[in-house]
């Protein structure tokens, strides 16, 4: 049975933690800021050691268990189903086309590409490089 700890359960969470076992938190992604991203992503925390004076479990980067629960909670002991880990790459929209794909360009597309190439190589159309020094 999966366990979940909510903010306010910091002492119980610190007592129940097993070192070197991953724990998971869920992020809700703002769709206005990243409309192409998944709505929910999860992240993984592994508590590897204990703090010297309090004995609270912490990650190898020093994030204490009670801080993780209070700031990012709730914390789960199993990875959420159907969600992508925030550390993994998102599914790409464009994929390789394969060996049998033939891209056909018409005259208008070729002229447009030639125009862009000519504008980019014309020194009069380039933006001046500004130095940070006065």
Protein backbone atom coordinates (compact mmCIF):
# COMPACT_ATOMS: atom_id res chain seq x y z
CA UNK A 1 0.00 0.00 0.00
CA UNK A 2 1.57 3.32 -1.04
CA UNK A 3 2.20 5.86 1.71
CA UNK A 4 1.67 9.60 1.46
CA UNK A 5 2.86 12.26 3.90
CA UNK A 6 1.24 15.71 3.88
CA UNK A 7 2.67 18.99 5.20
CA UNK A 8 2.31 18.92 8.97
CA UNK A 9 3.52 15.30 9.23
CA UNK A 10 7.21 16.27 9.27
CA UNK A 11 8.13 14.31 12.41
CA UNK A 12 6.34 11.16 11.26
CA UNK A 13 7.90 11.50 7.80
CA UNK A 14 11.43 11.90 9.23
CA UNK A 15 10.84 8.84 11.43
CA UNK A 16 9.46 6.67 8.56
CA UNK A 17 12.17 7.45 5.98
CA UNK A 18 14.43 4.67 4.80
CA UNK A 19 17.81 5.90 3.65
CA UNK A 20 18.75 5.44 -0.04
CA UNK A 21 15.11 4.89 -1.04
CA UNK A 22 13.51 7.33 -3.52
CA UNK A 23 10.53 9.47 -2.50
CA UNK A 24 8.40 11.42 -4.96
CA UNK A 25 6.68 14.79 -5.13
CA UNK A 26 4.24 16.06 -7.79
CA UNK A 27 4.49 19.47 -9.48
CA UNK A 28 1.50 21.17 -11.10
CA UNK A 29 2.76 22.98 -14.20
CA UNK A 30 1.27 26.37 -15.04
CA UNK A 31 -0.20 25.95 -18.52
CA UNK A 32 0.01 29.68 -19.23
CA UNK A 33 3.77 29.64 -18.79
CA UNK A 34 4.42 26.31 -20.53
CA UNK A 35 1.42 25.25 -22.65
CA UNK A 36 3.45 22.53 -24.39
CA UNK A 37 4.41 20.84 -21.12
CA UNK A 38 2.55 18.07 -19.32
CA UNK A 39 0.04 19.25 -16.70
CA UNK A 40 1.68 17.29 -13.86
CA UNK A 41 5.31 16.19 -13.44
CA UNK A 42 6.98 14.38 -10.59
CA UNK A 43 10.40 14.66 -9.03
CA UNK A 44 12.46 12.17 -7.05
CA UNK A 45 14.29 12.75 -3.78
CA UNK A 46 16.71 10.24 -2.23
CA UNK A 47 17.69 10.76 1.38
CA UNK A 48 21.22 9.41 1.79
CA UNK A 49 22.45 10.64 5.18
CA UNK A 50 21.39 12.27 8.43
CA UNK A 51 22.09 15.77 9.69
CA UNK A 52 24.66 15.89 12.51
CA UNK A 53 22.76 17.42 15.44
CA UNK A 54 19.11 16.63 14.72
CA UNK A 55 19.47 13.27 13.02
CA UNK A 56 16.96 14.35 10.35
CA UNK A 57 17.44 12.53 7.03
CA UNK A 58 18.72 14.73 4.21
CA UNK A 59 19.66 14.45 0.54
CA UNK A 60 23.25 14.52 -0.66
CA UNK A 61 22.72 18.23 -1.44
CA UNK A 62 21.66 18.99 2.14
CA UNK A 63 17.87 19.29 1.76
CA UNK A 64 16.35 18.08 5.02
CA UNK A 65 13.31 15.80 4.95
CA UNK A 66 11.10 18.17 6.93
CA UNK A 67 12.00 21.04 4.59
CA UNK A 68 11.16 18.96 1.49
CA UNK A 69 7.78 17.96 2.94
CA UNK A 70 6.92 21.46 4.13
CA UNK A 71 7.88 23.23 0.88
CA UNK A 72 7.02 20.66 -1.79
CA UNK A 73 4.65 18.19 -0.09
CA UNK A 74 2.78 15.92 -0.19
CA UNK A 75 5.48 13.26 -0.55
CA UNK A 76 4.76 9.76 -1.92
CA UNK A 77 6.81 6.59 -1.54
CA UNK A 78 5.84 5.22 -5.00
CA UNK A 79 6.18 7.02 -8.33
CA UNK A 80 2.87 8.42 -9.61
CA UNK A 81 1.40 6.52 -12.54
CA UNK A 82 0.98 8.19 -15.90
CA UNK A 83 3.32 11.07 -15.11
CA UNK A 84 6.72 11.95 -16.50
CA UNK A 85 9.74 12.58 -14.33
CA UNK A 86 10.75 16.23 -14.54
CA UNK A 87 14.35 15.14 -15.17
CA UNK A 88 13.46 13.16 -18.30
CA UNK A 89 13.06 14.66 -21.74
CA UNK A 90 9.59 15.53 -22.91
CA UNK A 91 8.01 13.66 -25.78
CA UNK A 92 9.08 15.39 -28.97
CA UNK A 93 6.47 16.75 -31.33
CA UNK A 94 8.61 16.36 -34.40
CA UNK A 95 10.21 13.03 -35.10
CA UNK A 96 12.75 11.81 -37.63
CA UNK A 97 11.12 11.45 -41.01
CA UNK A 98 12.75 8.19 -42.02
CA UNK A 99 14.80 7.16 -45.04
CA UNK A 100 11.92 7.01 -47.50
CA UNK A 101 10.75 10.63 -47.03
CA UNK A 102 11.19 13.01 -49.95
CA UNK A 103 10.75 16.71 -49.21
CA UNK A 104 9.57 18.58 -52.27
CA UNK A 105 10.11 22.33 -52.42
CA UNK A 106 8.16 24.51 -54.82
CA UNK A 107 9.48 27.70 -56.43
CA UNK A 108 8.06 30.05 -53.80
CA UNK A 109 9.75 28.18 -50.95
CA UNK A 110 13.09 28.13 -52.77
CA UNK A 111 12.89 31.88 -53.48
CA UNK A 112 12.04 32.55 -49.83
CA UNK A 113 15.01 30.51 -48.62
CA UNK A 114 17.34 32.25 -51.10
CA UNK A 115 16.06 35.66 -49.94
CA UNK A 116 16.70 34.81 -46.29
CA UNK A 117 20.20 33.56 -47.11
CA UNK A 118 20.99 36.71 -49.11
CA UNK A 119 19.75 39.01 -46.32
CA UNK A 120 21.75 37.14 -43.70
CA UNK A 121 24.99 37.38 -45.67
CA UNK A 122 24.62 41.07 -46.68
CA UNK A 123 26.87 43.14 -44.38
CA UNK A 124 24.61 46.20 -44.74
CA UNK A 125 21.66 44.33 -43.20
CA UNK A 126 23.58 42.90 -40.26
CA UNK A 127 23.08 44.38 -36.82
CA UNK A 128 26.18 46.06 -35.40
CA UNK A 129 28.00 44.27 -32.62
CA UNK A 130 27.99 46.46 -29.54
CA UNK A 131 30.77 46.27 -27.06
CA UNK A 132 30.04 46.41 -23.35
CA UNK A 133 32.95 48.80 -22.93
CA UNK A 134 32.33 52.54 -23.37
